[in-house]
Amino acid sequence: MSEVLSEISDGVMTITLNRPEAGNSLNEAVGRALVDAFAAAEADDAVRVVVITGTGEKVFCAGLDLKAFAAGADMMVIGAGLDAIGKCPKPVIAAVNGAALAGGFEVALKADLIVAAEHARFGIPEVKRGLFAAGGGTRLPARIPLQMALELGLTGDPISAQRAYDLGVVNRVVPAAEVLSASRALAATIAANGPLAVRATKELMWGEIGDGDATAHGQWAAKVFASEDAREGAIAFAEKRAPDWKGR
């Protein structure tokens, strides 16, 4: 059985963590598979958006496979899988179908947008195991108020999907049966836009190449506004039709 599944439909690649017997937890095999899956997504011009989810209805991802960790799993390999999500130049949506704890929460945080099931829970309980949230959880103060980030990190206790929504971590909370369809609908909305413009917006907003840097902003502006897609967008608007994006 493959630890990570992937499929492509209508410009959206769906990547599924597939270890339900272990809470879809992260081990070396998952890390390698995530690197491969996101490399494939980046290389395929037909893929406009990636959705990442988990098998089952109870757990999105339980985080690090502690049994694998205790047995000496290579954390660099697992970390590379997490990094592959965050470094993907195409938009990534986490369809959180259940508990997203420890590294599972960090998987979701690596995505650009999060759609969560009503019953989902989010938390970084690493301190309960003598660890800390090294995969991105310690950067939560950049996303939510410091006091709430400290409460999550120091207590290790989870919060509900609704609370995560109220804090601005989650974009949408939907019934469990609608998590994947709602995520794919959101992906379709993004995929209908100009791919160069989407990529520039993502990179500049995340600060991967700019963080407000005027040079990077100018470089992207010159590339996007002079592109074929920019002209096509204007012409399609004038002609009242859907644009035919080329990604150049």
Protein backbone atom coordinates (compact mmCIF):
# COMPACT_ATOMS: atom_id res chain seq x y z
CA MET A 1 0.00 0.00 0.00
CA SER A 2 1.34 3.42 -0.96
CA GLU A 3 1.85 5.77 1.98
CA VAL A 4 0.93 8.76 -0.22
CA LEU A 5 -1.57 8.74 -3.07
CA SER A 6 -1.97 11.33 -5.82
CA GLU A 7 -4.42 12.01 -8.61
CA ILE A 8 -5.00 14.86 -11.05
CA SER A 9 -8.36 16.16 -12.22
CA ASP A 10 -9.27 19.46 -13.87
CA GLY A 11 -5.96 21.11 -13.04
CA VAL A 12 -5.99 20.05 -9.37
CA MET A 13 -3.63 17.45 -7.93
CA THR A 14 -5.00 15.77 -4.80
CA ILE A 15 -2.31 14.31 -2.54
CA THR A 16 -3.55 11.97 0.19
CA LEU A 17 -1.64 10.84 3.26
CA ASN A 18 -2.51 7.16 3.31
CA ARG A 19 -1.52 5.54 6.60
CA PRO A 20 -4.91 5.27 8.34
CA GLU A 21 -3.67 2.49 10.60
CA ALA A 22 -1.10 4.95 12.01
CA GLY A 23 -3.18 8.14 11.97
CA ASN A 24 -1.63 9.16 8.63
CA SER A 25 1.51 9.94 10.63
CA LEU A 26 4.82 10.99 9.13
CA ASN A 27 7.69 8.57 8.62
CA GLU A 28 10.58 8.39 6.18
CA ALA A 29 8.48 6.77 3.44
CA VAL A 30 5.90 9.56 3.71
CA GLY A 31 8.63 12.19 3.64
CA ARG A 32 10.13 10.80 0.46
CA ALA A 33 6.73 10.36 -1.18
CA LEU A 34 5.75 13.96 -0.40
CA VAL A 35 8.96 15.23 -1.97
CA ASP A 36 8.24 13.20 -5.12
CA ALA A 37 4.56 14.17 -5.29
CA PHE A 38 5.21 17.89 -4.95
CA ALA A 39 8.07 17.72 -7.45
CA ALA A 40 5.64 16.14 -9.90
CA ALA A 41 3.07 18.85 -9.19
CA GLU A 42 5.61 21.58 -9.83
CA ALA A 43 6.84 20.00 -13.06
CA ASP A 44 3.38 19.46 -14.55
CA ASP A 45 2.04 22.62 -16.20
CA ALA A 46 -1.44 21.08 -16.18
CA VAL A 47 -1.46 21.21 -12.38
CA ARG A 48 -2.56 24.64 -11.16
CA VAL A 49 -3.40 23.89 -7.51
CA VAL A 50 -2.59 21.12 -5.03
CA VAL A 51 -4.98 19.79 -2.37
CA ILE A 52 -3.49 17.72 0.46
CA THR A 53 -5.70 15.59 2.69
CA GLY A 54 -5.68 12.39 4.75
CA THR A 55 -7.34 9.01 4.41
CA GLY A 56 -10.33 8.39 6.68
CA GLU A 57 -12.76 10.57 8.59
CA LYS A 58 -11.07 10.96 11.98
CA VAL A 59 -7.46 12.00 11.41
CA PHE A 60 -5.87 14.33 8.87
CA CYS A 61 -2.39 13.68 10.22
CA ALA A 62 -1.32 12.70 13.73
CA GLY A 63 2.14 14.16 13.19
CA LEU A 64 5.45 12.39 13.58
CA ASP A 65 5.31 8.60 13.78
CA LEU A 66 6.71 8.29 17.29
CA LYS A 67 7.45 4.59 16.85
CA ALA A 68 9.56 5.40 13.80
CA PHE A 69 11.21 8.24 15.72
CA ALA A 70 12.05 5.93 18.61
CA ALA A 71 13.53 3.46 16.13
CA GLY A 72 15.87 6.12 14.77
CA ALA A 73 14.01 7.48 11.74
CA ASP A 74 15.90 10.10 9.73
CA MET A 75 14.24 13.39 10.74
CA MET A 76 15.87 15.19 7.83
CA VAL A 77 13.96 13.00 5.38
CA ILE A 78 10.68 13.65 7.16
CA GLY A 79 11.48 17.36 7.34
CA ALA A 80 12.14 17.42 3.61
CA GLY A 81 8.59 16.21 3.06
CA LEU A 82 7.21 19.09 5.12
CA ASP A 83 9.46 21.55 3.32
CA ALA A 84 8.23 20.29 -0.06
CA ILE A 85 4.72 21.43 0.86
CA GLY A 86 5.83 24.89 1.93
CA LYS A 87 8.16 25.41 -1.03
CA CYS A 88 5.64 24.41 -3.70
CA PRO A 89 5.31 27.42 -6.04
CA LYS A 90 1.70 26.50 -6.79
CA PRO A 91 -1.10 27.14 -4.30
CA VAL A 92 -1.65 24.35 -1.76
CA ILE A 93 -4.92 23.79 0.08
CA ALA A 94 -5.06 21.57 3.16
CA ALA A 95 -8.36 19.66 3.28
CA VAL A 96 -8.29 18.82 6.98
CA ASN A 97 -10.66 15.89 7.38
CA GLY A 98 -9.97 15.28 11.07
CA ALA A 99 -7.41 15.83 13.81
CA ALA A 100 -4.33 17.79 12.72
CA LEU A 101 -1.92 17.43 15.61
CA ALA A 102 1.80 18.09 16.06
CA GLY A 103 3.40 17.60 12.65
CA GLY A 104 -0.10 17.21 11.24
CA PHE A 105 -0.91 20.79 12.21
CA GLU A 106 2.41 21.80 10.71
CA VAL A 107 1.50 20.05 7.45
CA ALA A 108 -1.64 22.19 7.35
CA LEU A 109 0.32 25.33 8.24
CA LYS A 110 2.67 24.69 5.31
CA ALA A 111 -0.33 24.96 2.98
CA ASP A 112 -1.58 28.32 1.75
CA LEU A 113 -5.22 27.79 2.67
CA ILE A 114 -7.00 25.45 5.09
CA VAL A 115 -10.50 24.01 4.75
CA ALA A 116 -11.45 22.09 7.89
CA ALA A 117 -14.16 19.65 8.87
CA GLU A 118 -16.35 20.80 11.75
CA HIS A 119 -15.00 18.04 13.97
CA ALA A 120 -11.32 18.72 13.18
CA ARG A 121 -8.93 19.68 15.96
CA PHE A 122 -5.62 21.52 15.74
CA GLY A 123 -2.74 21.43 18.18
CA ILE A 124 1.00 21.19 18.77
CA PRO A 125 1.26 18.71 21.67
CA GLU A 126 4.98 18.03 21.23
CA VAL A 127 5.79 19.30 24.75
CA LYS A 128 3.71 16.42 26.11
CA ARG A 129 6.31 14.09 24.59
CA GLY A 130 9.35 16.12 25.56
CA LEU A 131 9.72 17.62 22.09
CA PHE A 132 8.86 20.97 20.51
CA ALA A 133 7.10 21.92 17.30
CA ALA A 134 10.20 22.09 15.13
CA GLY A 135 8.37 21.72 11.82
CA GLY A 136 6.89 25.21 11.87
CA GLY A 137 4.71 25.35 14.97
CA THR A 138 7.10 27.69 16.78
CA ARG A 139 6.42 30.24 14.04
CA LEU A 140 2.74 30.43 14.97
CA PRO A 141 3.18 33.92 16.52
CA ALA A 142 3.55 35.19 12.94
CA ARG A 143 0.06 33.87 12.23
CA ILE A 144 -1.94 34.32 15.45
CA PRO A 145 -1.67 36.42 18.63
CA LEU A 146 1.40 35.58 20.71
CA GLN A 147 -0.65 34.65 23.77
CA MET A 148 -2.67 32.07 21.85
CA ALA A 149 0.45 30.67 20.18
CA LEU A 150 2.10 30.33 23.59
CA GLU A 151 -0.98 28.63 25.03
CA LEU A 152 -0.99 26.10 22.19
CA GLY A 153 2.74 25.50 22.43
CA LEU A 154 3.16 25.44 26.20
CA THR A 155 0.04 23.45 27.15
CA GLY A 156 0.02 21.14 24.14
CA ASP A 157 -3.78 21.21 24.25
CA PRO A 158 -5.75 21.26 20.96
CA ILE A 159 -8.35 23.75 19.79
CA SER A 160 -11.47 23.21 17.70
CA ALA A 161 -11.82 23.98 14.01
CA GLN A 162 -14.14 26.85 14.89
CA ARG A 163 -11.57 28.34 17.28
CA ALA A 164 -8.87 27.98 14.61
CA TYR A 165 -11.20 29.77 12.20
CA ASP A 166 -11.82 32.55 14.71
CA LEU A 167 -8.05 32.99 15.08
CA GLY A 168 -7.64 33.26 11.32
CA VAL A 169 -5.68 30.02 10.85
CA VAL A 170 -8.49 28.23 9.01
CA ASN A 171 -10.20 29.71 5.95
CA ARG A 172 -13.41 27.66 5.99
CA VAL A 173 -15.16 25.22 8.32
CA VAL A 174 -17.57 22.83 6.61
CA PRO A 175 -19.44 19.60 7.39
CA ALA A 176 -17.16 16.56 7.32
CA ALA A 177 -18.72 15.17 4.15
CA GLU A 178 -17.95 18.40 2.29
CA VAL A 179 -14.28 18.91 3.16
CA LEU A 180 -12.82 17.54 -0.05
CA SER A 181 -15.48 18.97 -2.37
CA ALA A 182 -15.21 22.41 -0.74
CA SER A 183 -11.42 22.30 -1.05
CA ARG A 184 -11.61 21.32 -4.70
CA ALA A 185 -14.15 24.05 -5.39
CA LEU A 186 -11.78 26.58 -3.82
CA ALA A 187 -8.96 25.11 -5.88
CA ALA A 188 -11.03 25.46 -9.06
CA THR A 189 -11.59 29.15 -8.33
CA ILE A 190 -7.84 29.66 -8.01
CA ALA A 191 -7.04 27.48 -11.03
CA ALA A 192 -9.26 29.67 -13.21
CA ASN A 193 -6.90 32.62 -12.65
CA GLY A 194 -3.67 33.48 -14.46
CA PRO A 195 -0.98 31.03 -13.29
CA LEU A 196 1.88 33.53 -13.41
CA ALA A 197 -0.15 36.08 -11.48
CA VAL A 198 -1.13 33.44 -8.92
CA ARG A 199 2.48 32.35 -8.45
CA ALA A 200 3.69 35.93 -8.06
CA THR A 201 0.97 36.69 -5.54
CA LYS A 202 1.77 33.59 -3.49
CA GLU A 203 5.52 34.15 -3.41
CA LEU A 204 5.31 37.83 -2.60
CA MET A 205 2.67 37.38 0.09
CA TRP A 206 4.61 34.61 1.79
CA GLY A 207 7.76 36.64 1.54
CA GLU A 208 9.73 33.74 0.06
CA ILE A 209 11.55 36.02 -2.36
CA GLY A 210 10.62 39.47 -1.20
CA ASP A 211 8.94 40.12 2.14
CA GLY A 212 8.19 43.59 0.91
CA ASP A 213 11.42 43.84 -1.10
CA ALA A 214 10.87 46.44 -3.82
CA THR A 215 13.31 44.77 -6.23
CA ALA A 216 11.53 41.42 -6.11
CA HIS A 217 8.17 43.13 -6.44
CA GLY A 218 9.38 45.03 -9.47
CA GLN A 219 10.79 41.90 -11.07
CA TRP A 220 7.50 40.08 -10.71
CA ALA A 221 5.54 43.12 -11.94
CA ALA A 222 7.69 43.31 -15.08
CA LYS A 223 7.25 39.60 -15.75
CA VAL A 224 3.54 39.34 -15.06
CA PHE A 225 2.30 42.56 -16.59
CA ALA A 226 4.24 41.93 -19.80
CA SER A 227 3.09 38.33 -20.09
CA GLU A 228 0.81 36.76 -22.70
CA ASP A 229 -1.57 35.84 -19.89
CA ALA A 230 -1.96 39.47 -18.83
CA ARG A 231 -2.93 40.44 -22.37
CA GLU A 232 -5.23 37.42 -22.68
CA GLY A 233 -6.95 38.35 -19.41
CA ALA A 234 -7.73 41.84 -20.67
CA ILE A 235 -8.91 40.62 -24.08
CA ALA A 236 -11.08 37.88 -22.55
CA PHE A 237 -12.66 40.43 -20.23
CA ALA A 238 -13.45 42.71 -23.15
CA GLU A 239 -14.83 39.79 -25.16
CA LYS A 240 -16.82 38.49 -22.16
CA ARG A 241 -15.36 34.97 -22.29
CA ALA A 242 -13.26 32.71 -20.10
CA PRO A 243 -9.51 33.31 -20.49
CA ASP A 244 -7.30 30.73 -22.19
CA TRP A 245 -4.26 30.84 -19.92
CA LYS A 246 -0.85 29.76 -21.21
CA GLY A 247 1.28 30.31 -18.14
CA ARG A 248 3.65 32.63 -19.97
